[in-house]
Amino acid sequence: MKICATAESDNLDAAVAQHFGKSPYFIFVDSVTMEWEVVENPADRTEKGAGMQVAPILIERDVDLLITGKVGTNTSQILATAEIKVVQGVTGSVREALEEHKKMWTE
């Protein structure tokens, strides 16, 4: 499973960013190998519609699960259409969030 977590900085110990579209970084994780890659958000300073601008990045990378604080309504619809599961309301570090939600990809 391919996972994306929003992050405030460029490592697994970073806090989960609380707004998908304004997240400074996206951390992409392969749930099998646990290898991860950081990508800077090209739309993090966009005033409106940032989430809709970056949702295609997740779709292009075949992400199965998004872990974040919050996703806007329009972006949620785009992600749902692409069959990307979204876990919202997540706090703590990316590492903690991955561990907490591990059951979602091991069942």
PDB file of N, CA and C in Angstrom:
ATOM      1  N   MET A   1       0.845  -1.177   0.000  1.00  0.00           N
ATOM      2  CA  MET A   1       0.000   0.000   0.000  1.00  0.00           C
ATOM      3  C   MET A   1       0.888   1.237   0.000  1.00  0.00           C
ATOM      4  N   LYS A   2       0.473   2.238  -0.745  1.00  0.00           N
ATOM      5  CA  LYS A   2       1.200   3.501  -0.775  1.00  0.00           C
ATOM      6  C   LYS A   2       0.461   4.509   0.099  1.00  0.00           C
ATOM      7  N   ILE A   3       1.201   5.104   1.000  1.00  0.00           N
ATOM      8  CA  ILE A   3       0.633   6.021   1.976  1.00  0.00           C
ATOM      9  C   ILE A   3       1.247   7.396   1.784  1.00  0.00           C
ATOM     10  N   CYS A   4       0.444   8.419   1.986  1.00  0.00           N
ATOM     11  CA  CYS A   4       0.947   9.787   1.998  1.00  0.00           C
ATOM     12  C   CYS A   4       0.527  10.412   3.323  1.00  0.00           C
ATOM     13  N   ALA A   5       1.483  11.054   3.987  1.00  0.00           N
ATOM     14  CA  ALA A   5       1.179  11.800   5.206  1.00  0.00           C
ATOM     15  C   ALA A   5       1.583  13.249   4.992  1.00  0.00           C
ATOM     16  N   THR A   6       0.750  14.163   5.452  1.00  0.00           N
ATOM     17  CA  THR A   6       1.123  15.573   5.395  1.00  0.00           C
ATOM     18  C   THR A   6       2.084  15.846   6.545  1.00  0.00           C
ATOM     19  N   ALA A   7       3.080  16.708   6.303  1.00  0.00           N
ATOM     20  CA  ALA A   7       4.105  16.922   7.324  1.00  0.00           C
ATOM     21  C   ALA A   7       4.548  18.380   7.390  1.00  0.00           C
ATOM     22  N   GLU A   8       4.875  18.812   8.595  1.00  0.00           N
ATOM     23  CA  GLU A   8       5.355  20.175   8.818  1.00  0.00           C
ATOM     24  C   GLU A   8       6.828  20.340   8.462  1.00  0.00           C
ATOM     25  N   SER A   9       7.590  19.235   8.446  1.00  0.00           N
ATOM     26  CA  SER A   9       8.982  19.290   8.004  1.00  0.00           C
ATOM     27  C   SER A   9       9.307  18.007   7.251  1.00  0.00           C
ATOM     28  N   ASP A  10      10.557  17.827   6.881  1.00  0.00           N
ATOM     29  CA  ASP A  10      10.915  16.796   5.907  1.00  0.00           C
ATOM     30  C   ASP A  10      11.415  15.472   6.488  1.00  0.00           C
ATOM     31  N   ASN A  11      10.792  15.016   7.589  1.00  0.00           N
ATOM     32  CA  ASN A  11      11.204  13.737   8.171  1.00  0.00           C
ATOM     33  C   ASN A  11      10.044  13.087   8.913  1.00  0.00           C
ATOM     34  N   LEU A  12      10.221  11.824   9.277  1.00  0.00           N
ATOM     35  CA  LEU A  12       9.137  11.072   9.915  1.00  0.00           C
ATOM     36  C   LEU A  12       8.799  11.570  11.315  1.00  0.00           C
ATOM     37  N   ASP A  13       9.708  12.302  11.942  1.00  0.00           N
ATOM     38  CA  ASP A  13       9.432  12.834  13.276  1.00  0.00           C
ATOM     39  C   ASP A  13       8.722  14.186  13.229  1.00  0.00           C
ATOM     40  N   ALA A  14       8.447  14.660  12.036  1.00  0.00           N
ATOM     41  CA  ALA A  14       7.718  15.919  11.858  1.00  0.00           C
ATOM     42  C   ALA A  14       6.278  15.762  12.324  1.00  0.00           C
ATOM     43  N   ALA A  15       5.694  16.866  12.753  1.00  0.00           N
ATOM     44  CA  ALA A  15       4.276  16.867  13.101  1.00  0.00           C
ATOM     45  C   ALA A  15       3.447  16.689  11.835  1.00  0.00           C
ATOM     46  N   VAL A  16       2.340  15.979  11.973  1.00  0.00           N
ATOM     47  CA  VAL A  16       1.400  15.848  10.861  1.00  0.00           C
ATOM     48  C   VAL A  16       0.814  17.233  10.595  1.00  0.00           C
ATOM     49  N   ALA A  17       0.914  17.702   9.365  1.00  0.00           N
ATOM     50  CA  ALA A  17       0.360  19.011   8.999  1.00  0.00           C
ATOM     51  C   ALA A  17      -1.158  18.946   9.079  1.00  0.00           C
ATOM     52  N   GLN A  18      -1.749  20.012   9.572  1.00  0.00           N
ATOM     53  CA  GLN A  18      -3.177  19.993   9.850  1.00  0.00           C
ATOM     54  C   GLN A  18      -4.071  20.406   8.692  1.00  0.00           C
ATOM     55  N   HIS A  19      -3.507  20.845   7.585  1.00  0.00           N
ATOM     56  CA  HIS A  19      -4.322  21.186   6.415  1.00  0.00           C
ATOM     57  C   HIS A  19      -3.653  20.606   5.179  1.00  0.00           C
ATOM     58  N   PHE A  20      -4.315  19.680   4.526  1.00  0.00           N
ATOM     59  CA  PHE A  20      -3.744  18.974   3.380  1.00  0.00           C
ATOM     60  C   PHE A  20      -3.150  19.924   2.344  1.00  0.00           C
ATOM     61  N   GLY A  21      -3.933  20.858   1.871  1.00  0.00           N
ATOM     62  CA  GLY A  21      -3.489  21.733   0.795  1.00  0.00           C
ATOM     63  C   GLY A  21      -2.360  22.665   1.177  1.00  0.00           C
ATOM     64  N   LYS A  22      -2.269  23.021   2.444  1.00  0.00           N
ATOM     65  CA  LYS A  22      -1.247  23.961   2.915  1.00  0.00           C
ATOM     66  C   LYS A  22      -0.067  23.249   3.575  1.00  0.00           C
ATOM     67  N   SER A  23      -0.058  21.939   3.544  1.00  0.00           N
ATOM     68  CA  SER A  23       1.036  21.173   4.142  1.00  0.00           C
ATOM     69  C   SER A  23       2.358  21.531   3.467  1.00  0.00           C
ATOM     70  N   PRO A  24       3.386  21.859   4.234  1.00  0.00           N
ATOM     71  CA  PRO A  24       4.677  22.175   3.606  1.00  0.00           C
ATOM     72  C   PRO A  24       5.293  20.988   2.858  1.00  0.00           C
ATOM     73  N   TYR A  25       5.052  19.788   3.385  1.00  0.00           N
ATOM     74  CA  TYR A  25       5.647  18.586   2.787  1.00  0.00           C
ATOM     75  C   TYR A  25       4.638  17.442   2.736  1.00  0.00           C
ATOM     76  N   PHE A  26       4.877  16.537   1.799  1.00  0.00           N
ATOM     77  CA  PHE A  26       4.169  15.263   1.739  1.00  0.00           C
ATOM     78  C   PHE A  26       5.217  14.174   1.899  1.00  0.00           C
ATOM     79  N   ILE A  27       4.942  13.221   2.773  1.00  0.00           N
ATOM     80  CA  ILE A  27       5.846  12.090   2.942  1.00  0.00           C
ATOM     81  C   ILE A  27       5.133  10.863   2.391  1.00  0.00           C
ATOM     82  N   PHE A  28       5.724  10.271   1.364  1.00  0.00           N
ATOM     83  CA  PHE A  28       5.175   9.085   0.717  1.00  0.00           C
ATOM     84  C   PHE A  28       5.884   7.861   1.279  1.00  0.00           C
ATOM     85  N   VAL A  29       5.093   6.888   1.733  1.00  0.00           N
ATOM     86  CA  VAL A  29       5.645   5.708   2.395  1.00  0.00           C
ATOM     87  C   VAL A  29       5.132   4.451   1.707  1.00  0.00           C
ATOM     88  N   ASP A  30       6.032   3.518   1.449  1.00  0.00           N
ATOM     89  CA  ASP A  30       5.667   2.190   0.950  1.00  0.00           C
ATOM     90  C   ASP A  30       5.441   1.314   2.175  1.00  0.00           C
ATOM     91  N   SER A  31       4.235   0.820   2.367  1.00  0.00           N
ATOM     92  CA  SER A  31       3.915   0.068   3.583  1.00  0.00           C
ATOM     93  C   SER A  31       4.614  -1.281   3.662  1.00  0.00           C
ATOM     94  N   VAL A  32       5.095  -1.796   2.551  1.00  0.00           N
ATOM     95  CA  VAL A  32       5.798  -3.088   2.551  1.00  0.00           C
ATOM     96  C   VAL A  32       7.247  -2.901   2.986  1.00  0.00           C
ATOM     97  N   THR A  33       7.940  -1.972   2.353  1.00  0.00           N
ATOM     98  CA  THR A  33       9.368  -1.776   2.632  1.00  0.00           C
ATOM     99  C   THR A  33       9.616  -0.714   3.698  1.00  0.00           C
ATOM    100  N   MET A  34       8.609   0.117   3.962  1.00  0.00           N
ATOM    101  CA  MET A  34       8.694   1.271   4.858  1.00  0.00           C
ATOM    102  C   MET A  34       9.712   2.304   4.364  1.00  0.00           C
ATOM    103  N   GLU A  35      10.076   2.218   3.093  1.00  0.00           N
ATOM    104  CA  GLU A  35      10.903   3.266   2.497  1.00  0.00           C
ATOM    105  C   GLU A  35      10.026   4.494   2.309  1.00  0.00           C
ATOM    106  N   TRP A  36      10.630   5.663   2.460  1.00  0.00           N
ATOM    107  CA  TRP A  36       9.846   6.885   2.356  1.00  0.00           C
ATOM    108  C   TRP A  36      10.585   7.950   1.564  1.00  0.00           C
ATOM    109  N   GLU A  37       9.781   8.855   1.012  1.00  0.00           N
ATOM    110  CA  GLU A  37      10.298   9.945   0.191  1.00  0.00           C
ATOM    111  C   GLU A  37       9.540  11.220   0.543  1.00  0.00           C
ATOM    112  N   VAL A  38      10.256  12.312   0.604  1.00  0.00           N
ATOM    113  CA  VAL A  38       9.651  13.604   0.924  1.00  0.00           C
ATOM    114  C   VAL A  38       9.531  14.443  -0.347  1.00  0.00           C
ATOM    115  N   VAL A  39       8.371  15.071  -0.504  1.00  0.00           N
ATOM    116  CA  VAL A  39       8.136  15.972  -1.632  1.00  0.00           C
ATOM    117  C   VAL A  39       7.605  17.291  -1.072  1.00  0.00           C
ATOM    118  N   GLU A  40       8.217  18.388  -1.481  1.00  0.00           N
ATOM    119  CA  GLU A  40       7.708  19.699  -1.071  1.00  0.00           C
ATOM    120  C   GLU A  40       6.394  19.981  -1.784  1.00  0.00           C
ATOM    121  N   ASN A  41       5.483  20.614  -1.079  1.00  0.00           N
ATOM    122  CA  ASN A  41       4.185  20.969  -1.643  1.00  0.00           C
ATOM    123  C   ASN A  41       4.339  22.214  -2.521  1.00  0.00           C
ATOM    124  N   PRO A  42       4.105  22.091  -3.819  1.00  0.00           N
ATOM    125  CA  PRO A  42       4.247  23.250  -4.703  1.00  0.00           C
ATOM    126  C   PRO A  42       3.141  24.290  -4.521  1.00  0.00           C
ATOM    127  N   ALA A  43       2.088  23.949  -3.787  1.00  0.00           N
ATOM    128  CA  ALA A  43       0.950  24.863  -3.631  1.00  0.00           C
ATOM    129  C   ALA A  43       0.744  25.314  -2.187  1.00  0.00           C
ATOM    130  N   ASP A  44       1.746  25.139  -1.324  1.00  0.00           N
ATOM    131  CA  ASP A  44       1.532  25.434   0.096  1.00  0.00           C
ATOM    132  C   ASP A  44       1.271  26.907   0.404  1.00  0.00           C
ATOM    133  N   ARG A  45       1.563  27.781  -0.520  1.00  0.00           N
ATOM    134  CA  ARG A  45       1.307  29.209  -0.297  1.00  0.00           C
ATOM    135  C   ARG A  45       0.106  29.718  -1.104  1.00  0.00           C
ATOM    136  N   THR A  46      -0.589  28.813  -1.741  1.00  0.00           N
ATOM    137  CA  THR A  46      -1.772  29.172  -2.519  1.00  0.00           C
ATOM    138  C   THR A  46      -2.898  29.551  -1.567  1.00  0.00           C
ATOM    139  N   GLU A  47      -3.601  30.631  -1.870  1.00  0.00           N
ATOM    140  CA  GLU A  47      -4.653  31.101  -0.972  1.00  0.00           C
ATOM    141  C   GLU A  47      -5.888  30.209  -0.977  1.00  0.00           C
ATOM    142  N   LYS A  48      -6.376  29.865  -2.167  1.00  0.00           N
ATOM    143  CA  LYS A  48      -7.587  29.041  -2.258  1.00  0.00           C
ATOM    144  C   LYS A  48      -7.354  27.884  -3.214  1.00  0.00           C
ATOM    145  N   GLY A  49      -7.947  26.753  -2.892  1.00  0.00           N
ATOM    146  CA  GLY A  49      -7.890  25.613  -3.795  1.00  0.00           C
ATOM    147  C   GLY A  49      -6.567  24.877  -3.828  1.00  0.00           C
ATOM    148  N   ALA A  50      -5.742  25.053  -2.792  1.00  0.00           N
ATOM    149  CA  ALA A  50      -4.436  24.389  -2.775  1.00  0.00           C
ATOM    150  C   ALA A  50      -4.591  22.870  -2.804  1.00  0.00           C
ATOM    151  N   GLY A  51      -5.544  22.360  -2.053  1.00  0.00           N
ATOM    152  CA  GLY A  51      -5.753  20.913  -2.012  1.00  0.00           C
ATOM    153  C   GLY A  51      -6.104  20.340  -3.369  1.00  0.00           C
ATOM    154  N   MET A  52      -6.937  21.061  -4.107  1.00  0.00           N
ATOM    155  CA  MET A  52      -7.321  20.586  -5.438  1.00  0.00           C
ATOM    156  C   MET A  52      -6.140  20.630  -6.404  1.00  0.00           C
ATOM    157  N   GLN A  53      -5.203  21.535  -6.157  1.00  0.00           N
ATOM    158  CA  GLN A  53      -4.022  21.616  -7.013  1.00  0.00           C
ATOM    159  C   GLN A  53      -3.048  20.468  -6.763  1.00  0.00           C
ATOM    160  N   VAL A  54      -2.977  20.000  -5.522  1.00  0.00           N
ATOM    161  CA  VAL A  54      -1.993  18.953  -5.209  1.00  0.00           C
ATOM    162  C   VAL A  54      -2.581  17.544  -5.161  1.00  0.00           C
ATOM    163  N   ALA A  55      -3.892  17.418  -5.143  1.00  0.00           N
ATOM    164  CA  ALA A  55      -4.503  16.080  -5.164  1.00  0.00           C
ATOM    165  C   ALA A  55      -3.997  15.237  -6.333  1.00  0.00           C
ATOM    166  N   PRO A  56      -3.796  15.819  -7.528  1.00  0.00           N
ATOM    167  CA  PRO A  56      -3.278  15.011  -8.638  1.00  0.00           C
ATOM    168  C   PRO A  56      -1.911  14.375  -8.368  1.00  0.00           C
ATOM    169  N   ILE A  57      -1.118  14.990  -7.486  1.00  0.00           N
ATOM    170  CA  ILE A  57       0.178  14.391  -7.139  1.00  0.00           C
ATOM    171  C   ILE A  57      -0.039  13.036  -6.480  1.00  0.00           C
ATOM    172  N   LEU A  58      -1.012  12.951  -5.573  1.00  0.00           N
ATOM    173  CA  LEU A  58      -1.307  11.684  -4.906  1.00  0.00           C
ATOM    174  C   LEU A  58      -1.853  10.669  -5.897  1.00  0.00           C
ATOM    175  N   ILE A  59      -2.690  11.133  -6.805  1.00  0.00           N
ATOM    176  CA  ILE A  59      -3.270  10.240  -7.811  1.00  0.00           C
ATOM    177  C   ILE A  59      -2.180   9.697  -8.727  1.00  0.00           C
ATOM    178  N   GLU A  60      -1.277  10.564  -9.175  1.00  0.00           N
ATOM    179  CA  GLU A  60      -0.176  10.137 -10.052  1.00  0.00           C
ATOM    180  C   GLU A  60       0.739   9.129  -9.373  1.00  0.00           C
ATOM    181  N   ARG A  61       0.874   9.224  -8.058  1.00  0.00           N
ATOM    182  CA  ARG A  61       1.753   8.325  -7.311  1.00  0.00           C
ATOM    183  C   ARG A  61       1.021   7.082  -6.804  1.00  0.00           C
ATOM    184  N   ASP A  62      -0.218   6.896  -7.238  1.00  0.00           N
ATOM    185  CA  ASP A  62      -1.020   5.723  -6.862  1.00  0.00           C
ATOM    186  C   ASP A  62      -1.149   5.550  -5.352  1.00  0.00           C
ATOM    187  N   VAL A  63      -1.363   6.655  -4.649  1.00  0.00           N
ATOM    188  CA  VAL A  63      -1.529   6.609  -3.198  1.00  0.00           C
ATOM    189  C   VAL A  63      -2.848   5.916  -2.863  1.00  0.00           C
ATOM    190  N   ASP A  64      -2.802   5.066  -1.836  1.00  0.00           N
ATOM    191  CA  ASP A  64      -3.993   4.353  -1.369  1.00  0.00           C
ATOM    192  C   ASP A  64      -4.598   4.994  -0.121  1.00  0.00           C
ATOM    193  N   LEU A  65      -3.745   5.631   0.696  1.00  0.00           N
ATOM    194  CA  LEU A  65      -4.178   6.157   1.988  1.00  0.00           C
ATOM    195  C   LEU A  65      -3.508   7.494   2.262  1.00  0.00           C
ATOM    196  N   LEU A  66      -4.294   8.491   2.652  1.00  0.00           N
ATOM    197  CA  LEU A  66      -3.784   9.801   3.047  1.00  0.00           C
ATOM    198  C   LEU A  66      -4.018   9.975   4.536  1.00  0.00           C
ATOM    199  N   ILE A  67      -2.961  10.369   5.247  1.00  0.00           N
ATOM    200  CA  ILE A  67      -3.038  10.663   6.678  1.00  0.00           C
ATOM    201  C   ILE A  67      -2.778  12.156   6.840  1.00  0.00           C
ATOM    202  N   THR A  68      -3.736  12.872   7.454  1.00  0.00           N
ATOM    203  CA  THR A  68      -3.628  14.331   7.543  1.00  0.00           C
ATOM    204  C   THR A  68      -4.477  14.868   8.682  1.00  0.00           C
ATOM    205  N   GLY A  69      -4.404  16.171   8.867  1.00  0.00           N
ATOM    206  CA  GLY A  69      -5.270  16.820   9.837  1.00  0.00           C
ATOM    207  C   GLY A  69      -6.657  17.048   9.262  1.00  0.00           C
ATOM    208  N   LYS A  70      -6.716  17.723   8.113  1.00  0.00           N
ATOM    209  CA  LYS A  70      -8.014  18.044   7.511  1.00  0.00           C
ATOM    210  C   LYS A  70      -7.880  18.187   6.001  1.00  0.00           C
ATOM    211  N   VAL A  71      -8.931  17.786   5.306  1.00  0.00           N
ATOM    212  CA  VAL A  71      -9.023  17.924   3.853  1.00  0.00           C
ATOM    213  C   VAL A  71     -10.318  18.675   3.549  1.00  0.00           C
ATOM    214  N   GLY A  72     -10.256  19.634   2.655  1.00  0.00           N
ATOM    215  CA  GLY A  72     -11.446  20.379   2.264  1.00  0.00           C
ATOM    216  C   GLY A  72     -12.445  19.513   1.510  1.00  0.00           C
ATOM    217  N   THR A  73     -13.673  19.981   1.431  1.00  0.00           N
ATOM    218  CA  THR A  73     -14.765  19.227   0.815  1.00  0.00           C
ATOM    219  C   THR A  73     -14.503  18.891  -0.649  1.00  0.00           C
ATOM    220  N   ASN A  74     -14.112  19.869  -1.436  1.00  0.00           N
ATOM    221  CA  ASN A  74     -13.878  19.611  -2.864  1.00  0.00           C
ATOM    222  C   ASN A  74     -12.730  18.635  -3.081  1.00  0.00           C
ATOM    223  N   THR A  75     -11.674  18.806  -2.309  1.00  0.00           N
ATOM    224  CA  THR A  75     -10.531  17.897  -2.419  1.00  0.00           C
ATOM    225  C   THR A  75     -10.923  16.496  -1.975  1.00  0.00           C
ATOM    226  N   SER A  76     -11.737  16.394  -0.940  1.00  0.00           N
ATOM    227  CA  SER A  76     -12.215  15.084  -0.474  1.00  0.00           C
ATOM    228  C   SER A  76     -12.931  14.341  -1.592  1.00  0.00           C
ATOM    229  N   GLN A  77     -13.719  15.073  -2.369  1.00  0.00           N
ATOM    230  CA  GLN A  77     -14.442  14.449  -3.480  1.00  0.00           C
ATOM    231  C   GLN A  77     -13.484  13.940  -4.550  1.00  0.00           C
ATOM    232  N   ILE A  78     -12.444  14.721  -4.844  1.00  0.00           N
ATOM    233  CA  ILE A  78     -11.444  14.298  -5.831  1.00  0.00           C
ATOM    234  C   ILE A  78     -10.749  13.028  -5.355  1.00  0.00           C
ATOM    235  N   LEU A  79     -10.349  13.006  -4.084  1.00  0.00           N
ATOM    236  CA  LEU A  79      -9.647  11.845  -3.536  1.00  0.00           C
ATOM    237  C   LEU A  79     -10.563  10.622  -3.485  1.00  0.00           C
ATOM    238  N   ALA A  80     -11.828  10.828  -3.138  1.00  0.00           N
ATOM    239  CA  ALA A  80     -12.780   9.713  -3.101  1.00  0.00           C
ATOM    240  C   ALA A  80     -12.982   9.125  -4.490  1.00  0.00           C
ATOM    241  N   THR A  81     -13.077   9.976  -5.490  1.00  0.00           N
ATOM    242  CA  THR A  81     -13.222   9.504  -6.872  1.00  0.00           C
ATOM    243  C   THR A  81     -12.020   8.663  -7.283  1.00  0.00           C
ATOM    244  N   ALA A  82     -10.841   9.032  -6.782  1.00  0.00           N
ATOM    245  CA  ALA A  82      -9.611   8.293  -7.087  1.00  0.00           C
ATOM    246  C   ALA A  82      -9.424   7.085  -6.162  1.00  0.00           C
ATOM    247  N   GLU A  83     -10.407   6.844  -5.298  1.00  0.00           N
ATOM    248  CA  GLU A  83     -10.391   5.724  -4.349  1.00  0.00           C
ATOM    249  C   GLU A  83      -9.210   5.790  -3.385  1.00  0.00           C
ATOM    250  N   ILE A  84      -8.874   7.007  -2.966  1.00  0.00           N
ATOM    251  CA  ILE A  84      -7.850   7.206  -1.947  1.00  0.00           C
ATOM    252  C   ILE A  84      -8.564   7.355  -0.607  1.00  0.00           C
ATOM    253  N   LYS A  85      -8.260   6.457   0.331  1.00  0.00           N
ATOM    254  CA  LYS A  85      -8.841   6.540   1.670  1.00  0.00           C
ATOM    255  C   LYS A  85      -8.186   7.708   2.396  1.00  0.00           C
ATOM    256  N   VAL A  86      -8.974   8.423   3.187  1.00  0.00           N
ATOM    257  CA  VAL A  86      -8.462   9.586   3.908  1.00  0.00           C
ATOM    258  C   VAL A  86      -8.738   9.420   5.396  1.00  0.00           C
ATOM    259  N   VAL A  87      -7.686   9.578   6.195  1.00  0.00           N
ATOM    260  CA  VAL A  87      -7.818   9.596   7.647  1.00  0.00           C
ATOM    261  C   VAL A  87      -7.538  11.029   8.079  1.00  0.00           C
ATOM    262  N   GLN A  88      -8.548  11.682   8.659  1.00  0.00           N
ATOM    263  CA  GLN A  88      -8.426  13.076   9.085  1.00  0.00           C
ATOM    264  C   GLN A  88      -8.393  13.167  10.606  1.00  0.00           C
ATOM    265  N   GLY A  89      -8.032  14.328  11.100  1.00  0.00           N
ATOM    266  CA  GLY A  89      -8.004  14.560  12.538  1.00  0.00           C
ATOM    267  C   GLY A  89      -6.777  13.968  13.210  1.00  0.00           C
ATOM    268  N   VAL A  90      -5.758  13.679  12.417  1.00  0.00           N
ATOM    269  CA  VAL A  90      -4.558  13.042  12.948  1.00  0.00           C
ATOM    270  C   VAL A  90      -3.629  14.105  13.527  1.00  0.00           C
ATOM    271  N   THR A  91      -3.099  13.827  14.713  1.00  0.00           N
ATOM    272  CA  THR A  91      -2.129  14.710  15.356  1.00  0.00           C
ATOM    273  C   THR A  91      -0.897  13.894  15.718  1.00  0.00           C
ATOM    274  N   GLY A  92       0.103  14.559  16.259  1.00  0.00           N
ATOM    275  CA  GLY A  92       1.342  13.877  16.616  1.00  0.00           C
ATOM    276  C   GLY A  92       2.294  13.846  15.435  1.00  0.00           C
ATOM    277  N   SER A  93       3.309  12.996  15.539  1.00  0.00           N
ATOM    278  CA  SER A  93       4.304  12.913  14.468  1.00  0.00           C
ATOM    279  C   SER A  93       3.834  11.986  13.355  1.00  0.00           C
ATOM    280  N   VAL A  94       4.457  12.130  12.207  1.00  0.00           N
ATOM    281  CA  VAL A  94       4.155  11.240  11.084  1.00  0.00           C
ATOM    282  C   VAL A  94       4.461   9.804  11.486  1.00  0.00           C
ATOM    283  N   ARG A  95       5.588   9.593  12.153  1.00  0.00           N
ATOM    284  CA  ARG A  95       5.968   8.244  12.593  1.00  0.00           C
ATOM    285  C   ARG A  95       4.882   7.635  13.489  1.00  0.00           C
ATOM    286  N   GLU A  96       4.400   8.419  14.462  1.00  0.00           N
ATOM    287  CA  GLU A  96       3.345   7.949  15.366  1.00  0.00           C
ATOM    288  C   GLU A  96       2.063   7.644  14.594  1.00  0.00           C
ATOM    289  N   ALA A  97       1.728   8.501  13.648  1.00  0.00           N
ATOM    290  CA  ALA A  97       0.510   8.304  12.856  1.00  0.00           C
ATOM    291  C   ALA A  97       0.601   7.036  12.023  1.00  0.00           C
ATOM    292  N   LEU A  98       1.762   6.788  11.435  1.00  0.00           N
ATOM    293  CA  LEU A  98       1.940   5.565  10.648  1.00  0.00           C
ATOM    294  C   LEU A  98       1.766   4.338  11.531  1.00  0.00           C
ATOM    295  N   GLU A  99       2.351   4.373  12.703  1.00  0.00           N
ATOM    296  CA  GLU A  99       2.242   3.238  13.623  1.00  0.00           C
ATOM    297  C   GLU A  99       0.791   3.051  14.076  1.00  0.00           C
ATOM    298  N   GLU A 100       0.134   4.152  14.406  1.00  0.00           N
ATOM    299  CA  GLU A 100      -1.253   4.092  14.880  1.00  0.00           C
ATOM    300  C   GLU A 100      -2.208   3.547  13.821  1.00  0.00           C
ATOM    301  N   HIS A 101      -1.963   3.867  12.568  1.00  0.00           N
ATOM    302  CA  HIS A 101      -2.869   3.460  11.493  1.00  0.00           C
ATOM    303  C   HIS A 101      -2.366   2.254  10.712  1.00  0.00           C
ATOM    304  N   LYS A 102      -1.344   1.598  11.230  1.00  0.00           N
ATOM    305  CA  LYS A 102      -0.754   0.441  10.550  1.00  0.00           C
ATOM    306  C   LYS A 102      -1.783  -0.659  10.297  1.00  0.00           C
ATOM    307  N   LYS A 103      -2.727  -0.819  11.205  1.00  0.00           N
ATOM    308  CA  LYS A 103      -3.743  -1.869  11.050  1.00  0.00           C
ATOM    309  C   LYS A 103      -4.549  -1.691   9.764  1.00  0.00           C
ATOM    310  N   MET A 104      -4.625  -0.460   9.256  1.00  0.00           N
ATOM    311  CA  MET A 104      -5.400  -0.208   8.038  1.00  0.00           C
ATOM    312  C   MET A 104      -4.799  -0.891   6.821  1.00  0.00           C
ATOM    313  N   TRP A 105      -3.486  -1.122   6.823  1.00  0.00           N
ATOM    314  CA  TRP A 105      -2.882  -1.765   5.661  1.00  0.00           C
ATOM    315  C   TRP A 105      -2.359  -3.160   5.940  1.00  0.00           C
ATOM    316  N   THR A 106      -2.523  -3.635   7.188  1.00  0.00           N
ATOM    317  CA  THR A 106      -2.073  -4.991   7.487  1.00  0.00           C
ATOM    318  C   THR A 106      -3.231  -5.967   7.632  1.00  0.00           C
ATOM    319  N   GLU A 107      -4.450  -5.473   7.578  1.00  0.00           N
ATOM    320  CA  GLU A 107      -5.612  -6.369   7.722  1.00  0.00           C
ATOM    321  C   GLU A 107      -5.943  -7.050   6.418  1.00  0.00           C
TER     322      GLU A 107
END
